[in-house]
Amino acid sequence: MKKLPEIFKNDFNKKIVNNDTTYYCTTSESIEKENIDVKKFLDELFKERGYIFNKPLIIKTKTKTYDTAIIRKTIDTIYTLSEDEINIDDIISIKKK
């Protein structure tokens, strides 16, 4: 078998500095409700096959983000597996995990 020439390897002596500076801004005024109908989403979720507590959700409210599942729903409140009561009117976004 014929001997092939070696591959060129350049010396790399630089220090790599990626993403040293980051900027994250959040204010309470920038929170806007997404264009979803929460009550309609919850109704569709309860109509799906299977148990409701087996469906993990990410629920964002005005004050907190919940990563949990729903146990039950009343007219204006949902109850979660993590024993939280969330007012439906306070929900900014809700989506399946």
Protein backbone atom coordinates (compact mmCIF):
# COMPACT_ATOMS: atom_id res chain seq x y z
CA MET A 1 0.00 0.00 0.00
CA LYS A 2 1.20 3.49 -0.85
CA LYS A 3 2.08 5.87 1.97
CA LEU A 4 -0.10 9.00 1.90
CA PRO A 5 1.15 12.47 2.87
CA GLU A 6 0.38 13.72 6.38
CA ILE A 7 -2.51 16.10 7.05
CA PHE A 8 -1.56 19.70 7.78
CA LYS A 9 -2.17 20.66 11.44
CA ASN A 10 -2.01 24.33 12.26
CA ASP A 11 -0.93 25.41 15.76
CA PHE A 12 -3.82 26.89 17.69
CA ASN A 13 -2.63 29.04 20.56
CA LYS A 14 -5.50 31.50 20.88
CA LYS A 15 -7.76 31.59 23.90
CA ILE A 16 -11.38 31.15 22.87
CA VAL A 17 -13.74 33.58 24.56
CA ASN A 18 -17.33 32.90 23.50
CA ASN A 19 -20.33 34.36 25.27
CA ASP A 20 -18.42 36.11 28.02
CA THR A 21 -20.89 38.93 28.09
CA THR A 22 -24.60 38.22 28.33
CA TYR A 23 -27.51 40.49 28.96
CA TYR A 24 -30.82 39.46 30.46
CA CYS A 25 -33.54 42.00 31.09
CA THR A 26 -36.89 41.38 32.64
CA THR A 27 -39.37 43.76 34.16
CA SER A 28 -42.84 43.27 35.47
CA GLU A 29 -44.15 45.66 32.85
CA SER A 30 -42.92 43.52 29.95
CA ILE A 31 -45.19 40.61 30.83
CA GLU A 32 -47.90 40.35 28.22
CA LYS A 33 -50.59 37.74 27.94
CA GLU A 34 -50.13 35.44 24.96
CA ASN A 35 -52.90 35.16 22.41
CA ILE A 36 -54.35 31.93 23.74
CA ASP A 37 -57.71 31.22 25.27
CA VAL A 38 -56.80 29.49 28.52
CA LYS A 39 -60.31 28.27 29.25
CA LYS A 40 -60.61 26.76 25.77
CA PHE A 41 -57.17 25.10 26.12
CA LEU A 42 -58.17 23.60 29.48
CA ASP A 43 -61.50 22.34 28.10
CA GLU A 44 -59.70 20.65 25.20
CA LEU A 45 -57.17 19.18 27.64
CA PHE A 46 -59.91 17.63 29.76
CA LYS A 47 -61.65 16.22 26.64
CA GLU A 48 -58.51 14.33 25.54
CA ARG A 49 -58.18 10.64 26.27
CA GLY A 50 -56.36 9.52 29.38
CA TYR A 51 -56.07 10.87 32.89
CA ILE A 52 -55.55 14.60 33.31
CA PHE A 53 -52.86 14.19 35.98
CA ASN A 54 -50.67 12.24 33.53
CA LYS A 55 -50.32 15.28 31.25
CA PRO A 56 -47.37 17.48 32.33
CA LEU A 57 -47.84 21.19 31.73
CA ILE A 58 -45.87 24.41 32.01
CA ILE A 59 -48.10 27.13 33.42
CA LYS A 60 -46.89 30.74 33.55
CA THR A 61 -48.71 33.23 35.74
CA LYS A 62 -48.07 36.86 36.56
CA THR A 63 -45.88 35.89 39.53
CA LYS A 64 -44.59 32.34 39.04
CA THR A 65 -43.96 29.49 36.58
CA TYR A 66 -45.31 26.05 37.45
CA ASP A 67 -44.03 22.77 36.02
CA THR A 68 -46.72 20.35 37.10
CA ALA A 69 -49.92 18.57 36.13
CA ILE A 70 -53.54 19.46 36.81
CA ILE A 71 -55.69 17.49 39.24
CA ARG A 72 -59.00 19.27 38.77
CA LYS A 73 -60.61 22.45 37.53
CA THR A 74 -63.37 24.62 38.93
CA ILE A 75 -65.00 27.63 37.31
CA ASP A 76 -62.13 30.02 38.05
CA THR A 77 -59.37 27.90 39.64
CA ILE A 78 -57.18 24.93 38.72
CA TYR A 79 -55.58 22.63 41.28
CA THR A 80 -52.19 21.05 40.56
CA LEU A 81 -50.29 17.96 41.69
CA SER A 82 -47.88 20.22 43.56
CA GLU A 83 -50.84 21.33 45.74
CA ASP A 84 -51.08 24.82 44.23
CA GLU A 85 -54.28 26.70 43.52
CA ILE A 86 -53.97 28.85 40.38
CA ASN A 87 -56.56 31.40 39.37
CA ILE A 88 -57.36 30.95 35.67
CA ASP A 89 -57.45 34.72 35.10
CA ASP A 90 -53.82 35.01 36.34
CA ILE A 91 -52.47 32.56 33.73
CA ILE A 92 -50.35 34.21 31.04
CA SER A 93 -49.50 31.06 29.10
CA ILE A 94 -50.08 27.35 29.37
CA LYS A 95 -48.60 24.62 27.21
CA LYS A 96 -47.90 20.92 27.21
CA LYS A 97 -44.44 19.85 28.22
